[in-house]
Amino acid sequence: MRRATMYYMAKETMSIRIDPEVREALDGVASAMDRDRTWVVNDALSTYLETYRWQIEHIQQGVREANADKFASSGEVKKVMARLRRK
């Protein structure tokens, strides 16, 4: 739903320089999706920013836990490592 409503929100113009190969690939994706280049770029940027925000949020949570001395015990680490090795 987020992306569907995003397309109709107010827009601002921004100019960027891209390699010709990137523009060609972008145009190919837009054509395959039957969308314009602007829609594809906005969708890609939104997805990137969503992922980046998620990563930062989890890194900051880890730093807060480390600052509060909330670490896994060596036994907990060994359990997880053993489980991962079985996969």
PDB file of N, CA and C in Angstrom:
ATOM      1  N   MET A   1       0.818  -1.197   0.000  1.00  0.00           N
ATOM      2  CA  MET A   1       0.000   0.000   0.000  1.00  0.00           C
ATOM      3  C   MET A   1       0.863   1.264   0.000  1.00  0.00           C
ATOM      4  N   ARG A   2       1.980   1.218   0.721  1.00  0.00           N
ATOM      5  CA  ARG A   2       2.838   2.386   0.832  1.00  0.00           C
ATOM      6  C   ARG A   2       3.267   2.889  -0.534  1.00  0.00           C
ATOM      7  N   ARG A   3       3.677   1.991  -1.406  1.00  0.00           N
ATOM      8  CA  ARG A   3       4.183   2.424  -2.698  1.00  0.00           C
ATOM      9  C   ARG A   3       3.070   2.920  -3.605  1.00  0.00           C
ATOM     10  N   ALA A   4       1.886   2.351  -3.489  1.00  0.00           N
ATOM     11  CA  ALA A   4       0.783   2.787  -4.347  1.00  0.00           C
ATOM     12  C   ALA A   4       0.398   4.228  -4.038  1.00  0.00           C
ATOM     13  N   THR A   5       0.371   4.589  -2.772  1.00  0.00           N
ATOM     14  CA  THR A   5      -0.002   5.952  -2.413  1.00  0.00           C
ATOM     15  C   THR A   5       1.147   6.924  -2.629  1.00  0.00           C
ATOM     16  N   MET A   6       2.378   6.436  -2.577  1.00  0.00           N
ATOM     17  CA  MET A   6       3.534   7.291  -2.746  1.00  0.00           C
ATOM     18  C   MET A   6       3.508   7.978  -4.109  1.00  0.00           C
ATOM     19  N   TYR A   7       3.049   7.294  -5.135  1.00  0.00           N
ATOM     20  CA  TYR A   7       3.080   7.813  -6.493  1.00  0.00           C
ATOM     21  C   TYR A   7       2.230   9.076  -6.641  1.00  0.00           C
ATOM     22  N   TYR A   8       1.209   9.222  -5.826  1.00  0.00           N
ATOM     23  CA  TYR A   8       0.300  10.347  -5.946  1.00  0.00           C
ATOM     24  C   TYR A   8       0.635  11.498  -5.002  1.00  0.00           C
ATOM     25  N   MET A   9       1.678  11.370  -4.227  1.00  0.00           N
ATOM     26  CA  MET A   9       2.064  12.435  -3.311  1.00  0.00           C
ATOM     27  C   MET A   9       2.754  13.553  -4.083  1.00  0.00           C
ATOM     28  N   ALA A  10       2.831  14.722  -3.470  1.00  0.00           N
ATOM     29  CA  ALA A  10       3.514  15.862  -4.092  1.00  0.00           C
ATOM     30  C   ALA A  10       4.966  15.489  -4.372  1.00  0.00           C
ATOM     31  N   LYS A  11       5.499  15.985  -5.451  1.00  0.00           N
ATOM     32  CA  LYS A  11       6.858  15.646  -5.872  1.00  0.00           C
ATOM     33  C   LYS A  11       7.736  16.892  -5.886  1.00  0.00           C
ATOM     34  N   GLU A  12       9.026  16.650  -5.777  1.00  0.00           N
ATOM     35  CA  GLU A  12      10.020  17.695  -5.951  1.00  0.00           C
ATOM     36  C   GLU A  12      10.976  17.228  -7.033  1.00  0.00           C
ATOM     37  N   THR A  13      11.518  18.156  -7.767  1.00  0.00           N
ATOM     38  CA  THR A  13      12.452  17.821  -8.833  1.00  0.00           C
ATOM     39  C   THR A  13      13.868  17.772  -8.281  1.00  0.00           C
ATOM     40  N   MET A  14      14.612  16.753  -8.742  1.00  0.00           N
ATOM     41  CA  MET A  14      15.995  16.587  -8.326  1.00  0.00           C
ATOM     42  C   MET A  14      16.780  16.103  -9.538  1.00  0.00           C
ATOM     43  N   SER A  15      17.887  16.728  -9.834  1.00  0.00           N
ATOM     44  CA  SER A  15      18.702  16.313 -10.973  1.00  0.00           C
ATOM     45  C   SER A  15      19.895  15.520 -10.475  1.00  0.00           C
ATOM     46  N   ILE A  16      20.183  14.421 -11.170  1.00  0.00           N
ATOM     47  CA  ILE A  16      21.356  13.609 -10.843  1.00  0.00           C
ATOM     48  C   ILE A  16      22.048  13.206 -12.141  1.00  0.00           C
ATOM     49  N   ARG A  17      23.294  12.798 -12.027  1.00  0.00           N
ATOM     50  CA  ARG A  17      24.037  12.294 -13.176  1.00  0.00           C
ATOM     51  C   ARG A  17      24.182  10.783 -12.996  1.00  0.00           C
ATOM     52  N   ILE A  18      23.869  10.042 -14.057  1.00  0.00           N
ATOM     53  CA  ILE A  18      24.028   8.596 -14.016  1.00  0.00           C
ATOM     54  C   ILE A  18      24.759   8.128 -15.266  1.00  0.00           C
ATOM     55  N   ASP A  19      25.386   6.981 -15.160  1.00  0.00           N
ATOM     56  CA  ASP A  19      26.075   6.394 -16.305  1.00  0.00           C
ATOM     57  C   ASP A  19      25.051   5.989 -17.363  1.00  0.00           C
ATOM     58  N   PRO A  20      25.429   6.071 -18.617  1.00  0.00           N
ATOM     59  CA  PRO A  20      24.505   5.683 -19.685  1.00  0.00           C
ATOM     60  C   PRO A  20      23.990   4.250 -19.539  1.00  0.00           C
ATOM     61  N   GLU A  21      24.848   3.350 -19.056  1.00  0.00           N
ATOM     62  CA  GLU A  21      24.433   1.958 -18.866  1.00  0.00           C
ATOM     63  C   GLU A  21      23.346   1.841 -17.804  1.00  0.00           C
ATOM     64  N   VAL A  22      23.452   2.658 -16.762  1.00  0.00           N
ATOM     65  CA  VAL A  22      22.453   2.644 -15.698  1.00  0.00           C
ATOM     66  C   VAL A  22      21.119   3.162 -16.245  1.00  0.00           C
ATOM     67  N   ARG A  23      21.175   4.218 -17.022  1.00  0.00           N
ATOM     68  CA  ARG A  23      19.938   4.761 -17.602  1.00  0.00           C
ATOM     69  C   ARG A  23      19.285   3.755 -18.539  1.00  0.00           C
ATOM     70  N   GLU A  24      20.091   3.083 -19.319  1.00  0.00           N
ATOM     71  CA  GLU A  24      19.552   2.068 -20.229  1.00  0.00           C
ATOM     72  C   GLU A  24      18.884   0.937 -19.449  1.00  0.00           C
ATOM     73  N   ALA A  25      19.543   0.483 -18.396  1.00  0.00           N
ATOM     74  CA  ALA A  25      18.966  -0.569 -17.563  1.00  0.00           C
ATOM     75  C   ALA A  25      17.688  -0.088 -16.886  1.00  0.00           C
ATOM     76  N   LEU A  26      17.711   1.142 -16.397  1.00  0.00           N
ATOM     77  CA  LEU A  26      16.543   1.740 -15.757  1.00  0.00           C
ATOM     78  C   LEU A  26      15.369   1.811 -16.727  1.00  0.00           C
ATOM     79  N   ASP A  27      15.643   2.242 -17.952  1.00  0.00           N
ATOM     80  CA  ASP A  27      14.593   2.313 -18.960  1.00  0.00           C
ATOM     81  C   ASP A  27      14.048   0.922 -19.295  1.00  0.00           C
ATOM     82  N   GLY A  28      14.925  -0.074 -19.293  1.00  0.00           N
ATOM     83  CA  GLY A  28      14.485  -1.447 -19.544  1.00  0.00           C
ATOM     84  C   GLY A  28      13.552  -1.949 -18.457  1.00  0.00           C
ATOM     85  N   VAL A  29      13.909  -1.661 -17.210  1.00  0.00           N
ATOM     86  CA  VAL A  29      13.056  -2.064 -16.087  1.00  0.00           C
ATOM     87  C   VAL A  29      11.716  -1.335 -16.160  1.00  0.00           C
ATOM     88  N   ALA A  30      11.762  -0.054 -16.412  1.00  0.00           N
ATOM     89  CA  ALA A  30      10.525   0.729 -16.494  1.00  0.00           C
ATOM     90  C   ALA A  30       9.619   0.189 -17.600  1.00  0.00           C
ATOM     91  N   SER A  31      10.198  -0.112 -18.734  1.00  0.00           N
ATOM     92  CA  SER A  31       9.417  -0.644 -19.847  1.00  0.00           C
ATOM     93  C   SER A  31       8.801  -1.995 -19.492  1.00  0.00           C
ATOM     94  N   ALA A  32       9.590  -2.873 -18.887  1.00  0.00           N
ATOM     95  CA  ALA A  32       9.103  -4.203 -18.510  1.00  0.00           C
ATOM     96  C   ALA A  32       7.974  -4.117 -17.484  1.00  0.00           C
ATOM     97  N   MET A  33       8.020  -3.104 -16.636  1.00  0.00           N
ATOM     98  CA  MET A  33       6.994  -2.939 -15.599  1.00  0.00           C
ATOM     99  C   MET A  33       5.827  -2.082 -16.081  1.00  0.00           C
ATOM    100  N   ASP A  34       5.938  -1.549 -17.294  1.00  0.00           N
ATOM    101  CA  ASP A  34       4.947  -0.634 -17.845  1.00  0.00           C
ATOM    102  C   ASP A  34       4.752   0.565 -16.918  1.00  0.00           C
ATOM    103  N   ARG A  35       5.877   1.103 -16.461  1.00  0.00           N
ATOM    104  CA  ARG A  35       5.913   2.284 -15.589  1.00  0.00           C
ATOM    105  C   ARG A  35       6.869   3.286 -16.201  1.00  0.00           C
ATOM    106  N   ASP A  36       6.820   4.513 -15.719  1.00  0.00           N
ATOM    107  CA  ASP A  36       7.802   5.474 -16.209  1.00  0.00           C
ATOM    108  C   ASP A  36       9.057   5.417 -15.341  1.00  0.00           C
ATOM    109  N   ARG A  37      10.125   6.017 -15.847  1.00  0.00           N
ATOM    110  CA  ARG A  37      11.422   6.005 -15.159  1.00  0.00           C
ATOM    111  C   ARG A  37      11.322   6.611 -13.760  1.00  0.00           C
ATOM    112  N   THR A  38      10.558   7.675 -13.612  1.00  0.00           N
ATOM    113  CA  THR A  38      10.418   8.332 -12.314  1.00  0.00           C
ATOM    114  C   THR A  38       9.832   7.387 -11.278  1.00  0.00           C
ATOM    115  N   TRP A  39       8.822   6.621 -11.671  1.00  0.00           N
ATOM    116  CA  TRP A  39       8.194   5.680 -10.736  1.00  0.00           C
ATOM    117  C   TRP A  39       9.212   4.643 -10.277  1.00  0.00           C
ATOM    118  N   VAL A  40       9.989   4.111 -11.224  1.00  0.00           N
ATOM    119  CA  VAL A  40      10.979   3.083 -10.889  1.00  0.00           C
ATOM    120  C   VAL A  40      12.043   3.645  -9.949  1.00  0.00           C
ATOM    121  N   VAL A  41      12.527   4.843 -10.224  1.00  0.00           N
ATOM    122  CA  VAL A  41      13.550   5.458  -9.366  1.00  0.00           C
ATOM    123  C   VAL A  41      12.988   5.713  -7.966  1.00  0.00           C
ATOM    124  N   ASN A  42      11.782   6.259  -7.870  1.00  0.00           N
ATOM    125  CA  ASN A  42      11.173   6.503  -6.560  1.00  0.00           C
ATOM    126  C   ASN A  42      10.965   5.199  -5.790  1.00  0.00           C
ATOM    127  N   ASP A  43      10.522   4.164  -6.485  1.00  0.00           N
ATOM    128  CA  ASP A  43      10.316   2.872  -5.829  1.00  0.00           C
ATOM    129  C   ASP A  43      11.646   2.302  -5.328  1.00  0.00           C
ATOM    130  N   ALA A  44      12.671   2.387  -6.172  1.00  0.00           N
ATOM    131  CA  ALA A  44      13.993   1.871  -5.784  1.00  0.00           C
ATOM    132  C   ALA A  44      14.566   2.643  -4.600  1.00  0.00           C
ATOM    133  N   LEU A  45      14.455   3.961  -4.628  1.00  0.00           N
ATOM    134  CA  LEU A  45      14.965   4.771  -3.520  1.00  0.00           C
ATOM    135  C   LEU A  45      14.206   4.495  -2.227  1.00  0.00           C
ATOM    136  N   SER A  46      12.889   4.362  -2.326  1.00  0.00           N
ATOM    137  CA  SER A  46      12.083   4.063  -1.133  1.00  0.00           C
ATOM    138  C   SER A  46      12.482   2.727  -0.529  1.00  0.00           C
ATOM    139  N   THR A  47      12.685   1.724  -1.387  1.00  0.00           N
ATOM    140  CA  THR A  47      13.086   0.401  -0.908  1.00  0.00           C
ATOM    141  C   THR A  47      14.464   0.458  -0.255  1.00  0.00           C
ATOM    142  N   TYR A  48      15.400   1.152  -0.884  1.00  0.00           N
ATOM    143  CA  TYR A  48      16.746   1.310  -0.338  1.00  0.00           C
ATOM    144  C   TYR A  48      16.699   1.990   1.027  1.00  0.00           C
ATOM    145  N   LEU A  49      15.962   3.091   1.108  1.00  0.00           N
ATOM    146  CA  LEU A  49      15.890   3.842   2.365  1.00  0.00           C
ATOM    147  C   LEU A  49      15.216   3.035   3.468  1.00  0.00           C
ATOM    148  N   GLU A  50      14.201   2.275   3.122  1.00  0.00           N
ATOM    149  CA  GLU A  50      13.529   1.424   4.100  1.00  0.00           C
ATOM    150  C   GLU A  50      14.506   0.399   4.672  1.00  0.00           C
ATOM    151  N   THR A  51      15.299  -0.212   3.802  1.00  0.00           N
ATOM    152  CA  THR A  51      16.298  -1.198   4.234  1.00  0.00           C
ATOM    153  C   THR A  51      17.371  -0.533   5.090  1.00  0.00           C
ATOM    154  N   TYR A  52      17.865   0.618   4.637  1.00  0.00           N
ATOM    155  CA  TYR A  52      18.914   1.330   5.362  1.00  0.00           C
ATOM    156  C   TYR A  52      18.424   1.746   6.741  1.00  0.00           C
ATOM    157  N   ARG A  53      17.208   2.256   6.826  1.00  0.00           N
ATOM    158  CA  ARG A  53      16.646   2.649   8.136  1.00  0.00           C
ATOM    159  C   ARG A  53      16.534   1.452   9.061  1.00  0.00           C
ATOM    160  N   TRP A  54      16.100   0.307   8.519  1.00  0.00           N
ATOM    161  CA  TRP A  54      15.983  -0.916   9.315  1.00  0.00           C
ATOM    162  C   TRP A  54      17.348  -1.303   9.866  1.00  0.00           C
ATOM    163  N   GLN A  55      18.368  -1.279   9.016  1.00  0.00           N
ATOM    164  CA  GLN A  55      19.719  -1.630   9.459  1.00  0.00           C
ATOM    165  C   GLN A  55      20.206  -0.697  10.556  1.00  0.00           C
ATOM    166  N   ILE A  56      20.050   0.594  10.343  1.00  0.00           N
ATOM    167  CA  ILE A  56      20.499   1.576  11.337  1.00  0.00           C
ATOM    168  C   ILE A  56      19.773   1.373  12.660  1.00  0.00           C
ATOM    169  N   GLU A  57      18.462   1.162  12.592  1.00  0.00           N
ATOM    170  CA  GLU A  57      17.680   0.944  13.816  1.00  0.00           C
ATOM    171  C   GLU A  57      18.200  -0.262  14.593  1.00  0.00           C
ATOM    172  N   HIS A  58      18.506  -1.344  13.893  1.00  0.00           N
ATOM    173  CA  HIS A  58      18.994  -2.543  14.572  1.00  0.00           C
ATOM    174  C   HIS A  58      20.427  -2.382  15.069  1.00  0.00           C
ATOM    175  N   ILE A  59      21.241  -1.665  14.347  1.00  0.00           N
ATOM    176  CA  ILE A  59      22.597  -1.384  14.822  1.00  0.00           C
ATOM    177  C   ILE A  59      22.535  -0.536  16.086  1.00  0.00           C
ATOM    178  N   GLN A  60      21.690   0.496  16.070  1.00  0.00           N
ATOM    179  CA  GLN A  60      21.561   1.350  17.249  1.00  0.00           C
ATOM    180  C   GLN A  60      21.031   0.564  18.444  1.00  0.00           C
ATOM    181  N   GLN A  61      20.094  -0.352  18.202  1.00  0.00           N
ATOM    182  CA  GLN A  61      19.578  -1.199  19.289  1.00  0.00           C
ATOM    183  C   GLN A  61      20.699  -2.064  19.860  1.00  0.00           C
ATOM    184  N   GLY A  62      21.537  -2.620  18.972  1.00  0.00           N
ATOM    185  CA  GLY A  62      22.671  -3.422  19.429  1.00  0.00           C
ATOM    186  C   GLY A  62      23.658  -2.601  20.246  1.00  0.00           C
ATOM    187  N   VAL A  63      23.909  -1.380  19.840  1.00  0.00           N
ATOM    188  CA  VAL A  63      24.819  -0.492  20.583  1.00  0.00           C
ATOM    189  C   VAL A  63      24.226  -0.184  21.959  1.00  0.00           C
ATOM    190  N   ARG A  64      22.914   0.087  21.992  1.00  0.00           N
ATOM    191  CA  ARG A  64      22.268   0.356  23.294  1.00  0.00           C
ATOM    192  C   ARG A  64      22.392  -0.852  24.218  1.00  0.00           C
ATOM    193  N   GLU A  65      22.180  -2.048  23.662  1.00  0.00           N
ATOM    194  CA  GLU A  65      22.302  -3.260  24.478  1.00  0.00           C
ATOM    195  C   GLU A  65      23.742  -3.471  24.936  1.00  0.00           C
ATOM    196  N   ALA A  66      24.698  -3.216  24.052  1.00  0.00           N
ATOM    197  CA  ALA A  66      26.109  -3.368  24.440  1.00  0.00           C
ATOM    198  C   ALA A  66      26.476  -2.362  25.526  1.00  0.00           C
ATOM    199  N   ASN A  67      25.991  -1.126  25.396  1.00  0.00           N
ATOM    200  CA  ASN A  67      26.262  -0.108  26.412  1.00  0.00           C
ATOM    201  C   ASN A  67      25.640  -0.472  27.754  1.00  0.00           C
ATOM    202  N   ALA A  68      24.560  -1.256  27.710  1.00  0.00           N
ATOM    203  CA  ALA A  68      23.900  -1.691  28.943  1.00  0.00           C
ATOM    204  C   ALA A  68      24.459  -3.038  29.421  1.00  0.00           C
ATOM    205  N   ASP A  69      25.584  -3.463  28.821  1.00  0.00           N
ATOM    206  CA  ASP A  69      26.229  -4.738  29.160  1.00  0.00           C
ATOM    207  C   ASP A  69      25.316  -5.946  28.968  1.00  0.00           C
ATOM    208  N   LYS A  70      24.453  -5.891  27.958  1.00  0.00           N
ATOM    209  CA  LYS A  70      23.578  -7.025  27.635  1.00  0.00           C
ATOM    210  C   LYS A  70      24.230  -7.828  26.509  1.00  0.00           C
ATOM    211  N   PHE A  71      25.043  -8.795  26.911  1.00  0.00           N
ATOM    212  CA  PHE A  71      25.740  -9.639  25.948  1.00  0.00           C
ATOM    213  C   PHE A  71      25.275 -11.079  26.113  1.00  0.00           C
ATOM    214  N   ALA A  72      25.368 -11.840  25.039  1.00  0.00           N
ATOM    215  CA  ALA A  72      25.042 -13.266  25.110  1.00  0.00           C
ATOM    216  C   ALA A  72      26.170 -13.969  25.860  1.00  0.00           C
ATOM    217  N   SER A  73      25.786 -14.966  26.638  1.00  0.00           N
ATOM    218  CA  SER A  73      26.807 -15.752  27.346  1.00  0.00           C
ATOM    219  C   SER A  73      27.513 -16.652  26.347  1.00  0.00           C
ATOM    220  N   SER A  74      28.681 -17.160  26.714  1.00  0.00           N
ATOM    221  CA  SER A  74      29.410 -18.051  25.803  1.00  0.00           C
ATOM    222  C   SER A  74      28.600 -19.312  25.531  1.00  0.00           C
ATOM    223  N   GLY A  75      27.828 -19.763  26.505  1.00  0.00           N
ATOM    224  CA  GLY A  75      26.969 -20.932  26.301  1.00  0.00           C
ATOM    225  C   GLY A  75      25.895 -20.666  25.257  1.00  0.00           C
ATOM    226  N   GLU A  76      25.295 -19.483  25.310  1.00  0.00           N
ATOM    227  CA  GLU A  76      24.268 -19.121  24.318  1.00  0.00           C
ATOM    228  C   GLU A  76      24.878 -19.037  22.916  1.00  0.00           C
ATOM    229  N   VAL A  77      26.072 -18.472  22.824  1.00  0.00           N
ATOM    230  CA  VAL A  77      26.748 -18.365  21.533  1.00  0.00           C
ATOM    231  C   VAL A  77      27.060 -19.759  20.993  1.00  0.00           C
ATOM    232  N   LYS A  78      27.544 -20.646  21.848  1.00  0.00           N
ATOM    233  CA  LYS A  78      27.866 -22.015  21.415  1.00  0.00           C
ATOM    234  C   LYS A  78      26.623 -22.747  20.924  1.00  0.00           C
ATOM    235  N   LYS A  79      25.480 -22.550  21.587  1.00  0.00           N
ATOM    236  CA  LYS A  79      24.223 -23.181  21.161  1.00  0.00           C
ATOM    237  C   LYS A  79      23.824 -22.716  19.763  1.00  0.00           C
ATOM    238  N   VAL A  80      23.891 -21.420  19.547  1.00  0.00           N
ATOM    239  CA  VAL A  80      23.511 -20.878  18.255  1.00  0.00           C
ATOM    240  C   VAL A  80      24.472 -21.361  17.175  1.00  0.00           C
ATOM    241  N   MET A  81      25.758 -21.354  17.465  1.00  0.00           N
ATOM    242  CA  MET A  81      26.742 -21.816  16.486  1.00  0.00           C
ATOM    243  C   MET A  81      26.530 -23.283  16.143  1.00  0.00           C
ATOM    244  N   ALA A  82      26.252 -24.101  17.133  1.00  0.00           N
ATOM    245  CA  ALA A  82      26.005 -25.531  16.884  1.00  0.00           C
ATOM    246  C   ALA A  82      24.770 -25.714  16.016  1.00  0.00           C
ATOM    247  N   ARG A  83      23.718 -24.948  16.289  1.00  0.00           N
ATOM    248  CA  ARG A  83      22.498 -25.033  15.491  1.00  0.00           C
ATOM    249  C   ARG A  83      22.760 -24.610  14.052  1.00  0.00           C
ATOM    250  N   LEU A  84      23.523 -23.537  13.866  1.00  0.00           N
ATOM    251  CA  LEU A  84      23.825 -23.061  12.515  1.00  0.00           C
ATOM    252  C   LEU A  84      24.701 -24.032  11.741  1.00  0.00           C
ATOM    253  N   ARG A  85      25.575 -24.724  12.418  1.00  0.00           N
ATOM    254  CA  ARG A  85      26.436 -25.707  11.749  1.00  0.00           C
ATOM    255  C   ARG A  85      25.649 -26.906  11.253  1.00  0.00           C
ATOM    256  N   ARG A  86      24.551 -27.240  11.923  1.00  0.00           N
ATOM    257  CA  ARG A  86      23.717 -28.376  11.513  1.00  0.00           C
ATOM    258  C   ARG A  86      22.941 -28.097  10.247  1.00  0.00           C
ATOM    259  N   LYS A  87      22.711 -26.829   9.917  1.00  0.00           N
ATOM    260  CA  LYS A  87      21.892 -26.487   8.744  1.00  0.00           C
ATOM    261  C   LYS A  87      22.607 -26.700   7.460  1.00  0.00           C
TER     262      LYS A  87
END
